[in-house]
């Protein structure tokens, strides 16, 4: 039973990968009812993202492996959401590419800094800001799409949701530039 609890946080993190694929397969903006199954999977992803970290800390099973698996599950879901957005709104494809590449670059930079010594201060604040803004971008898309799929004209601001994605990309690339600069400084010495 102890092994079950020790592995539960990592299992929750990894479960978001197939959940992301299932979300992408089921996501449809044709009707509000058609959106519900995918939105339920999205709700599962949000809950599992909270629970994996909470349980790992609570049970004393936080680990470097868990940190990476959590990030992998998060990125799988973010990419699935971006694919769903571009399927529903092809005008977002360039922004989606920028945001997907940002995810790849951040993950690579974390791998180059295994002790996470440069991910402090401003970099942490930029990462949190980017996470908040991209969630607002996703949320605005889902709310506007659900309203529109319900047969109600979308809110007047709906077409502006892409601006949130653009802001997320700008913040994300600022974090990449800062992280890269700090890694180079660390590698070259004082």
N, C-alpha and C. Protein backbone atom coordinates (compact mmCIF):
# COMPACT_ATOMS: atom_id res chain seq x y z
N UNK A 1 0.81 -1.20 0.00
CA UNK A 1 0.00 0.00 0.00
C UNK A 1 0.86 1.27 0.00
N UNK A 2 2.03 1.18 0.68
CA UNK A 2 2.93 2.32 0.72
C UNK A 2 3.42 2.69 -0.68
N UNK A 3 3.71 1.68 -1.51
CA UNK A 3 4.16 1.93 -2.88
C UNK A 3 3.09 2.65 -3.69
N UNK A 4 1.84 2.29 -3.45
CA UNK A 4 0.73 2.95 -4.15
C UNK A 4 0.75 4.45 -3.88
N UNK A 5 0.82 4.82 -2.59
CA UNK A 5 0.81 6.24 -2.23
C UNK A 5 2.07 6.95 -2.71
N UNK A 6 3.18 6.25 -2.70
CA UNK A 6 4.44 6.86 -3.16
C UNK A 6 4.39 7.16 -4.65
N UNK A 7 3.71 6.32 -5.41
CA UNK A 7 3.66 6.48 -6.87
C UNK A 7 2.46 7.27 -7.36
N UNK A 8 1.48 7.52 -6.50
CA UNK A 8 0.26 8.21 -6.91
C UNK A 8 0.52 9.59 -7.51
N UNK A 9 1.35 10.45 -6.91
CA UNK A 9 1.58 11.76 -7.52
C UNK A 9 2.14 11.65 -8.95
N UNK A 10 3.10 10.75 -9.16
CA UNK A 10 3.67 10.60 -10.51
C UNK A 10 2.64 10.01 -11.47
N UNK A 11 1.81 9.08 -10.98
CA UNK A 11 0.77 8.50 -11.83
C UNK A 11 -0.24 9.58 -12.25
N UNK A 12 -0.59 10.46 -11.32
CA UNK A 12 -1.50 11.55 -11.67
C UNK A 12 -0.88 12.47 -12.73
N UNK A 13 0.40 12.78 -12.57
CA UNK A 13 1.09 13.61 -13.55
C UNK A 13 1.07 12.95 -14.93
N UNK A 14 1.44 11.69 -14.97
CA UNK A 14 1.48 10.97 -16.24
C UNK A 14 0.10 10.76 -16.85
N UNK A 15 -0.93 10.69 -16.01
CA UNK A 15 -2.29 10.47 -16.53
C UNK A 15 -2.76 11.63 -17.39
N UNK A 16 -2.15 12.80 -17.23
CA UNK A 16 -2.55 13.94 -18.05
C UNK A 16 -2.12 13.80 -19.50
N UNK A 17 -1.17 12.93 -19.78
CA UNK A 17 -0.74 12.76 -21.18
C UNK A 17 -1.83 12.08 -21.99
N UNK A 18 -2.33 10.89 -21.61
CA UNK A 18 -3.45 10.33 -22.38
C UNK A 18 -4.72 11.17 -22.26
N UNK A 19 -4.91 11.84 -21.11
CA UNK A 19 -6.08 12.71 -20.95
C UNK A 19 -6.02 13.85 -21.96
N UNK A 20 -4.83 14.38 -22.21
CA UNK A 20 -4.67 15.45 -23.19
C UNK A 20 -5.05 14.97 -24.58
N UNK A 21 -4.62 13.77 -24.92
CA UNK A 21 -4.97 13.21 -26.23
C UNK A 21 -6.49 13.03 -26.34
N UNK A 22 -7.10 12.47 -25.29
CA UNK A 22 -8.54 12.25 -25.28
C UNK A 22 -9.29 13.59 -25.38
N UNK A 23 -8.81 14.60 -24.65
CA UNK A 23 -9.39 15.94 -24.74
C UNK A 23 -9.38 16.42 -26.19
N UNK A 24 -8.22 16.27 -26.85
CA UNK A 24 -8.08 16.75 -28.22
C UNK A 24 -9.02 16.01 -29.17
N UNK A 25 -9.15 14.71 -28.99
CA UNK A 25 -10.03 13.91 -29.84
C UNK A 25 -11.50 14.33 -29.64
N UNK A 26 -11.89 14.58 -28.40
CA UNK A 26 -13.29 14.86 -28.09
C UNK A 26 -13.70 16.32 -28.25
N UNK A 27 -12.72 17.24 -28.29
CA UNK A 27 -13.06 18.66 -28.30
C UNK A 27 -13.78 19.03 -29.59
N UNK A 28 -14.92 19.70 -29.41
CA UNK A 28 -15.72 20.17 -30.54
C UNK A 28 -16.42 21.45 -30.12
N UNK A 29 -16.51 22.39 -31.05
CA UNK A 29 -17.22 23.63 -30.76
C UNK A 29 -18.55 23.69 -31.50
N UNK A 30 -19.01 22.54 -32.01
CA UNK A 30 -20.26 22.54 -32.78
C UNK A 30 -21.47 22.89 -31.92
N UNK A 31 -21.56 22.30 -30.74
CA UNK A 31 -22.65 22.61 -29.81
C UNK A 31 -22.08 22.64 -28.40
N UNK A 32 -22.81 23.28 -27.50
CA UNK A 32 -22.37 23.32 -26.10
C UNK A 32 -22.31 21.91 -25.54
N UNK A 33 -23.29 21.08 -25.88
CA UNK A 33 -23.31 19.70 -25.38
C UNK A 33 -22.10 18.92 -25.89
N UNK A 34 -21.67 19.20 -27.11
CA UNK A 34 -20.50 18.51 -27.68
C UNK A 34 -19.21 18.92 -26.96
N UNK A 35 -19.20 20.10 -26.36
CA UNK A 35 -18.01 20.57 -25.65
C UNK A 35 -17.86 19.95 -24.27
N UNK A 36 -18.96 19.51 -23.67
CA UNK A 36 -18.96 19.06 -22.28
C UNK A 36 -17.97 17.93 -22.00
N UNK A 37 -17.93 16.84 -22.81
CA UNK A 37 -16.97 15.77 -22.47
C UNK A 37 -15.51 16.26 -22.42
N UNK A 38 -15.14 17.08 -23.38
CA UNK A 38 -13.77 17.60 -23.39
C UNK A 38 -13.53 18.53 -22.19
N UNK A 39 -14.52 19.32 -21.84
CA UNK A 39 -14.37 20.22 -20.70
C UNK A 39 -14.29 19.45 -19.39
N UNK A 40 -14.96 18.31 -19.30
CA UNK A 40 -14.84 17.45 -18.11
C UNK A 40 -13.42 16.89 -18.01
N UNK A 41 -12.84 16.51 -19.14
CA UNK A 41 -11.46 16.03 -19.13
C UNK A 41 -10.51 17.17 -18.73
N UNK A 42 -10.80 18.36 -19.21
CA UNK A 42 -10.01 19.53 -18.81
C UNK A 42 -10.10 19.75 -17.30
N UNK A 43 -11.29 19.59 -16.75
CA UNK A 43 -11.46 19.74 -15.30
C UNK A 43 -10.64 18.67 -14.56
N UNK A 44 -10.63 17.44 -15.09
CA UNK A 44 -9.80 16.39 -14.49
C UNK A 44 -8.33 16.81 -14.50
N UNK A 45 -7.87 17.35 -15.61
CA UNK A 45 -6.47 17.76 -15.72
C UNK A 45 -6.13 18.83 -14.68
N UNK A 46 -7.03 19.78 -14.49
CA UNK A 46 -6.78 20.83 -13.50
C UNK A 46 -6.72 20.26 -12.09
N UNK A 47 -7.64 19.36 -11.77
CA UNK A 47 -7.66 18.76 -10.44
C UNK A 47 -6.41 17.89 -10.23
N UNK A 48 -6.06 17.08 -11.24
CA UNK A 48 -4.89 16.20 -11.09
C UNK A 48 -3.61 17.01 -10.99
N UNK A 49 -3.55 18.18 -11.65
CA UNK A 49 -2.37 19.04 -11.56
C UNK A 49 -2.22 19.58 -10.14
N UNK A 50 -3.32 19.93 -9.52
CA UNK A 50 -3.26 20.38 -8.13
C UNK A 50 -2.89 19.21 -7.21
N UNK A 51 -3.56 18.08 -7.40
CA UNK A 51 -3.39 16.94 -6.49
C UNK A 51 -2.00 16.33 -6.53
N UNK A 52 -1.39 16.23 -7.71
CA UNK A 52 -0.08 15.56 -7.77
C UNK A 52 0.95 16.27 -6.91
N UNK A 53 1.01 17.59 -7.00
CA UNK A 53 1.95 18.34 -6.18
C UNK A 53 1.58 18.33 -4.71
N UNK A 54 0.29 18.51 -4.44
CA UNK A 54 -0.18 18.50 -3.06
C UNK A 54 0.15 17.16 -2.39
N UNK A 55 -0.17 16.06 -3.06
CA UNK A 55 0.08 14.74 -2.47
C UNK A 55 1.58 14.47 -2.31
N UNK A 56 2.37 14.87 -3.30
CA UNK A 56 3.81 14.64 -3.21
C UNK A 56 4.39 15.37 -2.00
N UNK A 57 3.97 16.60 -1.79
CA UNK A 57 4.46 17.36 -0.63
C UNK A 57 3.90 16.79 0.67
N UNK A 58 2.63 16.50 0.68
CA UNK A 58 1.97 16.01 1.90
C UNK A 58 2.52 14.66 2.35
N UNK A 59 2.81 13.79 1.36
CA UNK A 59 3.31 12.45 1.68
C UNK A 59 4.83 12.39 1.78
N UNK A 60 5.49 13.51 1.52
CA UNK A 60 6.95 13.55 1.58
C UNK A 60 7.61 12.82 0.43
N UNK A 61 6.94 12.82 -0.74
CA UNK A 61 7.48 12.10 -1.89
C UNK A 61 7.83 13.05 -3.04
N UNK A 62 8.14 14.29 -2.72
CA UNK A 62 8.57 15.22 -3.76
C UNK A 62 9.91 14.75 -4.30
N UNK A 63 10.05 14.82 -5.62
CA UNK A 63 11.31 14.37 -6.22
C UNK A 63 11.56 15.11 -7.52
N UNK A 64 12.77 15.02 -7.96
CA UNK A 64 13.15 15.61 -9.25
C UNK A 64 12.37 14.93 -10.38
N UNK A 65 12.22 13.62 -10.27
CA UNK A 65 11.45 12.88 -11.28
C UNK A 65 10.02 13.39 -11.30
N UNK A 66 9.42 13.55 -10.14
CA UNK A 66 8.05 14.06 -10.06
C UNK A 66 7.92 15.44 -10.65
N UNK A 67 8.92 16.28 -10.42
CA UNK A 67 8.93 17.63 -10.97
C UNK A 67 8.88 17.59 -12.50
N UNK A 68 9.68 16.72 -13.09
CA UNK A 68 9.70 16.60 -14.55
C UNK A 68 8.44 15.96 -15.09
N UNK A 69 7.92 14.94 -14.39
CA UNK A 69 6.70 14.29 -14.86
C UNK A 69 5.51 15.25 -14.78
N UNK A 70 5.46 16.06 -13.73
CA UNK A 70 4.40 17.07 -13.62
C UNK A 70 4.49 18.04 -14.80
N UNK A 71 5.68 18.50 -15.10
CA UNK A 71 5.87 19.41 -16.23
C UNK A 71 5.51 18.76 -17.55
N UNK A 72 5.82 17.49 -17.70
CA UNK A 72 5.49 16.78 -18.93
C UNK A 72 3.98 16.67 -19.10
N UNK A 73 3.28 16.33 -18.02
CA UNK A 73 1.82 16.27 -18.08
C UNK A 73 1.21 17.62 -18.38
N UNK A 74 1.74 18.66 -17.75
CA UNK A 74 1.24 20.02 -18.00
C UNK A 74 1.45 20.42 -19.46
N UNK A 75 2.62 20.15 -19.98
CA UNK A 75 2.92 20.53 -21.36
C UNK A 75 2.09 19.74 -22.37
N UNK A 76 1.86 18.48 -22.09
CA UNK A 76 1.01 17.68 -22.99
C UNK A 76 -0.38 18.31 -23.07
N UNK A 77 -0.90 18.74 -21.94
CA UNK A 77 -2.24 19.33 -21.95
C UNK A 77 -2.23 20.71 -22.60
N UNK A 78 -1.22 21.51 -22.33
CA UNK A 78 -1.14 22.83 -22.96
C UNK A 78 -1.09 22.72 -24.47
N UNK A 79 -0.31 21.78 -24.97
CA UNK A 79 -0.20 21.59 -26.42
C UNK A 79 -1.54 21.11 -26.99
N UNK A 80 -2.21 20.21 -26.29
CA UNK A 80 -3.52 19.74 -26.76
C UNK A 80 -4.51 20.90 -26.84
N UNK A 81 -4.50 21.76 -25.83
CA UNK A 81 -5.40 22.92 -25.84
C UNK A 81 -5.07 23.83 -27.02
N UNK A 82 -3.78 24.05 -27.26
CA UNK A 82 -3.39 24.90 -28.39
C UNK A 82 -3.82 24.28 -29.72
N UNK A 83 -3.71 22.97 -29.85
CA UNK A 83 -4.20 22.30 -31.07
C UNK A 83 -5.71 22.49 -31.21
N UNK A 84 -6.43 22.36 -30.11
CA UNK A 84 -7.88 22.54 -30.15
C UNK A 84 -8.24 23.97 -30.55
N UNK A 85 -7.50 24.93 -30.02
CA UNK A 85 -7.75 26.34 -30.37
C UNK A 85 -7.52 26.56 -31.86
N UNK A 86 -6.41 26.04 -32.39
CA UNK A 86 -6.13 26.27 -33.81
C UNK A 86 -7.11 25.53 -34.72
N UNK A 87 -7.64 24.42 -34.25
CA UNK A 87 -8.66 23.72 -35.04
C UNK A 87 -9.93 24.56 -35.10
N UNK A 88 -10.29 25.18 -33.98
CA UNK A 88 -11.50 26.01 -33.93
C UNK A 88 -11.28 27.39 -34.54
N UNK A 89 -10.05 27.91 -34.42
CA UNK A 89 -9.74 29.26 -34.90
C UNK A 89 -8.37 29.24 -35.58
N UNK A 90 -8.34 28.90 -36.88
CA UNK A 90 -7.06 28.78 -37.59
C UNK A 90 -6.20 30.05 -37.57
N UNK A 91 -6.80 31.21 -37.28
CA UNK A 91 -6.00 32.44 -37.22
C UNK A 91 -5.00 32.41 -36.07
N UNK A 92 -5.14 31.47 -35.15
CA UNK A 92 -4.26 31.38 -33.98
C UNK A 92 -3.05 30.48 -34.22
N UNK A 93 -2.87 29.96 -35.43
CA UNK A 93 -1.82 28.95 -35.65
C UNK A 93 -0.41 29.49 -35.40
N UNK A 94 -0.12 30.71 -35.81
CA UNK A 94 1.21 31.28 -35.57
C UNK A 94 1.49 31.45 -34.09
N UNK A 95 0.50 31.94 -33.37
CA UNK A 95 0.63 32.10 -31.93
C UNK A 95 0.80 30.74 -31.26
N UNK A 96 0.02 29.76 -31.71
CA UNK A 96 0.13 28.41 -31.14
C UNK A 96 1.54 27.88 -31.33
N UNK A 97 2.13 28.08 -32.52
CA UNK A 97 3.49 27.61 -32.76
C UNK A 97 4.46 28.28 -31.80
N UNK A 98 4.32 29.59 -31.62
CA UNK A 98 5.21 30.31 -30.69
C UNK A 98 5.08 29.75 -29.27
N UNK A 99 3.87 29.48 -28.84
CA UNK A 99 3.65 28.98 -27.49
C UNK A 99 4.12 27.53 -27.33
N UNK A 100 3.95 26.71 -28.36
CA UNK A 100 4.46 25.32 -28.29
C UNK A 100 5.98 25.34 -28.23
N UNK A 101 6.60 26.15 -29.08
CA UNK A 101 8.07 26.20 -29.06
C UNK A 101 8.57 26.74 -27.72
N UNK A 102 7.84 27.68 -27.14
CA UNK A 102 8.20 28.20 -25.82
C UNK A 102 8.22 27.06 -24.80
N UNK A 103 7.22 26.19 -24.84
CA UNK A 103 7.17 25.05 -23.92
C UNK A 103 8.39 24.14 -24.11
N UNK A 104 8.75 23.88 -25.34
CA UNK A 104 9.92 23.03 -25.64
C UNK A 104 11.19 23.69 -25.13
N UNK A 105 11.33 24.98 -25.40
CA UNK A 105 12.55 25.70 -25.00
C UNK A 105 12.70 25.75 -23.48
N UNK A 106 11.61 26.04 -22.78
CA UNK A 106 11.68 26.10 -21.31
C UNK A 106 12.06 24.73 -20.75
N UNK A 107 11.48 23.68 -21.28
CA UNK A 107 11.79 22.34 -20.79
C UNK A 107 13.26 22.00 -21.04
N UNK A 108 13.76 22.39 -22.21
CA UNK A 108 15.18 22.15 -22.53
C UNK A 108 16.09 22.94 -21.59
N UNK A 109 15.75 24.19 -21.33
CA UNK A 109 16.56 25.01 -20.44
C UNK A 109 16.58 24.44 -19.02
N UNK A 110 15.44 23.92 -18.58
CA UNK A 110 15.41 23.29 -17.25
C UNK A 110 16.33 22.08 -17.21
N UNK A 111 16.41 21.36 -18.30
CA UNK A 111 17.31 20.21 -18.37
C UNK A 111 18.77 20.62 -18.34
N UNK A 112 19.08 21.80 -18.87
CA UNK A 112 20.45 22.30 -18.85
C UNK A 112 20.86 22.86 -17.50
N UNK A 113 19.90 23.09 -16.64
CA UNK A 113 20.15 23.63 -15.31
C UNK A 113 19.57 22.66 -14.28
N UNK A 114 20.18 21.47 -14.15
CA UNK A 114 19.59 20.43 -13.32
C UNK A 114 19.43 20.79 -11.85
N UNK A 115 20.28 21.67 -11.33
CA UNK A 115 20.13 22.05 -9.92
C UNK A 115 19.20 23.25 -9.74
N UNK A 116 18.64 23.75 -10.87
CA UNK A 116 17.70 24.87 -10.86
C UNK A 116 18.27 26.11 -10.19
N UNK A 117 19.57 26.28 -10.27
CA UNK A 117 20.20 27.39 -9.56
C UNK A 117 19.89 28.75 -10.19
N UNK A 118 19.52 28.79 -11.46
CA UNK A 118 19.25 30.08 -12.06
C UNK A 118 17.76 30.40 -12.14
N UNK A 119 16.92 29.50 -11.65
CA UNK A 119 15.47 29.74 -11.74
C UNK A 119 14.93 30.39 -10.49
N UNK A 120 15.49 31.52 -10.14
CA UNK A 120 15.05 32.23 -8.95
C UNK A 120 14.63 33.64 -9.33
N UNK A 121 14.05 34.33 -8.37
CA UNK A 121 13.75 35.74 -8.53
C UNK A 121 12.90 36.08 -9.72
N UNK A 122 13.43 36.91 -10.58
CA UNK A 122 12.69 37.43 -11.72
C UNK A 122 12.21 36.31 -12.65
N UNK A 123 13.03 35.31 -12.85
CA UNK A 123 12.64 34.21 -13.74
C UNK A 123 11.40 33.50 -13.19
N UNK A 124 11.36 33.27 -11.91
CA UNK A 124 10.20 32.62 -11.28
C UNK A 124 8.96 33.49 -11.45
N UNK A 125 9.11 34.79 -11.26
CA UNK A 125 7.97 35.71 -11.40
C UNK A 125 7.47 35.73 -12.85
N UNK A 126 8.40 35.71 -13.81
CA UNK A 126 7.98 35.67 -15.22
C UNK A 126 7.25 34.38 -15.53
N UNK A 127 7.72 33.27 -15.01
CA UNK A 127 7.07 31.98 -15.26
C UNK A 127 5.66 31.96 -14.68
N UNK A 128 5.50 32.49 -13.49
CA UNK A 128 4.17 32.54 -12.87
C UNK A 128 3.26 33.48 -13.67
N UNK A 129 3.77 34.62 -14.08
CA UNK A 129 2.98 35.57 -14.88
C UNK A 129 2.56 34.93 -16.20
N UNK A 130 3.49 34.23 -16.84
CA UNK A 130 3.16 33.58 -18.11
C UNK A 130 2.09 32.51 -17.90
N UNK A 131 2.19 31.75 -16.83
CA UNK A 131 1.22 30.70 -16.55
C UNK A 131 -0.17 31.30 -16.32
N UNK A 132 -0.23 32.41 -15.62
CA UNK A 132 -1.52 33.06 -15.36
C UNK A 132 -2.12 33.59 -16.66
N UNK A 133 -1.31 34.26 -17.46
CA UNK A 133 -1.83 34.87 -18.69
C UNK A 133 -2.24 33.80 -19.70
N UNK A 134 -1.48 32.72 -19.81
CA UNK A 134 -1.88 31.68 -20.77
C UNK A 134 -3.17 30.99 -20.32
N UNK A 135 -3.36 30.86 -19.01
CA UNK A 135 -4.62 30.28 -18.52
C UNK A 135 -5.79 31.22 -18.80
N UNK A 136 -5.56 32.51 -18.72
CA UNK A 136 -6.60 33.48 -19.09
C UNK A 136 -6.93 33.37 -20.59
N UNK A 137 -5.90 33.20 -21.41
CA UNK A 137 -6.08 33.00 -22.85
C UNK A 137 -6.92 31.75 -23.11
N UNK A 138 -6.55 30.65 -22.48
CA UNK A 138 -7.32 29.42 -22.63
C UNK A 138 -8.74 29.61 -22.13
N UNK A 139 -8.88 30.21 -20.95
CA UNK A 139 -10.21 30.40 -20.37
C UNK A 139 -11.10 31.28 -21.23
N UNK A 140 -10.56 32.38 -21.76
CA UNK A 140 -11.34 33.26 -22.63
C UNK A 140 -11.79 32.51 -23.88
N UNK A 141 -10.90 31.68 -24.43
CA UNK A 141 -11.28 30.89 -25.60
C UNK A 141 -12.42 29.93 -25.26
N UNK A 142 -12.28 29.21 -24.14
CA UNK A 142 -13.31 28.22 -23.78
C UNK A 142 -14.65 28.89 -23.47
N UNK A 143 -14.63 29.99 -22.72
CA UNK A 143 -15.88 30.69 -22.39
C UNK A 143 -16.54 31.20 -23.67
N UNK A 144 -15.77 31.89 -24.49
CA UNK A 144 -16.33 32.43 -25.73
C UNK A 144 -16.84 31.34 -26.65
N UNK A 145 -16.10 30.24 -26.76
CA UNK A 145 -16.52 29.13 -27.62
C UNK A 145 -17.77 28.45 -27.08
N UNK A 146 -17.85 28.29 -25.76
CA UNK A 146 -19.02 27.65 -25.17
C UNK A 146 -20.27 28.52 -25.37
N UNK A 147 -20.12 29.81 -25.16
CA UNK A 147 -21.24 30.73 -25.37
C UNK A 147 -21.69 30.68 -26.83
N UNK A 148 -20.73 30.74 -27.73
CA UNK A 148 -21.04 30.71 -29.16
C UNK A 148 -21.68 29.38 -29.54
N UNK A 149 -21.16 28.26 -29.01
CA UNK A 149 -21.72 26.94 -29.30
C UNK A 149 -23.12 26.79 -28.71
N UNK A 150 -23.46 27.60 -27.72
CA UNK A 150 -24.80 27.57 -27.13
C UNK A 150 -25.81 28.33 -27.98
N UNK A 151 -25.35 28.94 -29.05
CA UNK A 151 -26.24 29.68 -29.94
C UNK A 151 -26.38 31.14 -29.59
N UNK A 152 -25.61 31.58 -28.63
CA UNK A 152 -25.63 32.98 -28.22
C UNK A 152 -24.49 33.68 -28.95
N UNK A 153 -24.72 34.87 -29.48
CA UNK A 153 -23.60 35.57 -30.11
C UNK A 153 -22.45 35.73 -29.12
N UNK A 154 -21.22 35.53 -29.57
CA UNK A 154 -20.09 35.63 -28.63
C UNK A 154 -19.99 37.05 -28.07
N UNK A 155 -19.41 37.17 -26.88
CA UNK A 155 -19.23 38.50 -26.31
C UNK A 155 -18.39 39.36 -27.24
N UNK A 156 -18.57 40.66 -27.15
CA UNK A 156 -17.86 41.57 -28.05
C UNK A 156 -16.34 41.46 -27.91
N UNK A 157 -15.86 41.03 -26.76
CA UNK A 157 -14.42 40.92 -26.52
C UNK A 157 -13.84 39.61 -27.03
N UNK A 158 -14.68 38.67 -27.44
CA UNK A 158 -14.20 37.32 -27.75
C UNK A 158 -13.08 37.33 -28.79
N UNK A 159 -13.21 38.14 -29.82
CA UNK A 159 -12.18 38.15 -30.87
C UNK A 159 -10.83 38.68 -30.36
N UNK A 160 -10.82 39.27 -29.18
CA UNK A 160 -9.58 39.81 -28.61
C UNK A 160 -8.85 38.81 -27.72
N UNK A 161 -9.40 37.61 -27.54
CA UNK A 161 -8.77 36.64 -26.64
C UNK A 161 -7.34 36.32 -27.09
N UNK A 162 -7.08 36.41 -28.36
CA UNK A 162 -5.74 36.14 -28.88
C UNK A 162 -4.69 37.10 -28.33
N UNK A 163 -5.12 38.30 -27.92
CA UNK A 163 -4.18 39.24 -27.31
C UNK A 163 -3.59 38.68 -26.02
N UNK A 164 -4.41 37.94 -25.28
CA UNK A 164 -3.89 37.29 -24.07
C UNK A 164 -2.83 36.26 -24.44
N UNK A 165 -3.06 35.51 -25.50
CA UNK A 165 -2.07 34.54 -25.97
C UNK A 165 -0.78 35.23 -26.39
N UNK A 166 -0.93 36.38 -27.06
CA UNK A 166 0.25 37.15 -27.45
C UNK A 166 1.03 37.65 -26.25
N UNK A 167 0.31 38.10 -25.23
CA UNK A 167 0.98 38.54 -24.00
C UNK A 167 1.68 37.36 -23.33
N UNK A 168 1.05 36.19 -23.33
CA UNK A 168 1.68 34.99 -22.76
C UNK A 168 2.96 34.65 -23.51
N UNK A 169 2.93 34.79 -24.83
CA UNK A 169 4.13 34.50 -25.63
C UNK A 169 5.24 35.49 -25.32
N UNK A 170 4.92 36.76 -25.22
CA UNK A 170 5.93 37.79 -24.92
C UNK A 170 6.56 37.51 -23.56
N UNK A 171 5.74 37.24 -22.56
CA UNK A 171 6.27 36.96 -21.22
C UNK A 171 7.11 35.68 -21.26
N UNK A 172 6.61 34.67 -21.97
CA UNK A 172 7.33 33.40 -22.07
C UNK A 172 8.69 33.55 -22.73
N UNK A 173 8.76 34.33 -23.80
CA UNK A 173 10.04 34.52 -24.47
C UNK A 173 10.98 35.41 -23.67
N UNK A 174 10.43 36.32 -22.86
CA UNK A 174 11.27 37.10 -21.94
C UNK A 174 11.91 36.16 -20.92
N UNK A 175 11.14 35.18 -20.44
CA UNK A 175 11.68 34.19 -19.50
C UNK A 175 12.77 33.35 -20.16
N UNK A 176 12.57 32.97 -21.42
CA UNK A 176 13.58 32.20 -22.14
C UNK A 176 14.87 33.01 -22.28
N UNK A 177 14.73 34.28 -22.65
CA UNK A 177 15.92 35.13 -22.81
C UNK A 177 16.65 35.28 -21.48
N UNK A 178 15.91 35.51 -20.40
CA UNK A 178 16.52 35.66 -19.09
C UNK A 178 17.19 34.37 -18.64
N UNK A 179 16.50 33.27 -18.80
CA UNK A 179 17.05 31.97 -18.39
C UNK A 179 18.31 31.64 -19.20
N UNK A 180 18.25 31.87 -20.51
CA UNK A 180 19.43 31.60 -21.36
C UNK A 180 20.61 32.47 -20.95
N UNK A 181 20.36 33.74 -20.70
CA UNK A 181 21.41 34.66 -20.29
C UNK A 181 22.04 34.21 -18.97
N UNK A 182 21.20 33.81 -18.02
CA UNK A 182 21.72 33.36 -16.73
C UNK A 182 22.50 32.07 -16.87
N UNK A 183 22.06 31.17 -17.73
CA UNK A 183 22.79 29.92 -17.94
C UNK A 183 24.16 30.18 -18.56
N UNK A 184 24.21 31.13 -19.52
CA UNK A 184 25.50 31.47 -20.13
C UNK A 184 26.43 32.09 -19.10
N UNK A 185 25.91 32.99 -18.27
CA UNK A 185 26.72 33.59 -17.21
C UNK A 185 27.24 32.53 -16.26
N UNK A 186 26.40 31.59 -15.92
CA UNK A 186 26.79 30.51 -15.00
C UNK A 186 27.89 29.66 -15.63
N UNK A 187 27.76 29.37 -16.91
CA UNK A 187 28.72 28.52 -17.60
C UNK A 187 30.08 29.21 -17.81
N UNK A 188 30.05 30.52 -18.00
CA UNK A 188 31.29 31.24 -18.28
C UNK A 188 31.96 31.79 -17.03
N UNK A 189 31.24 31.72 -15.90
CA UNK A 189 31.85 32.19 -14.65
C UNK A 189 31.67 33.67 -14.45
N UNK A 190 32.26 34.19 -13.37
CA UNK A 190 32.09 35.61 -13.02
C UNK A 190 32.71 36.57 -14.00
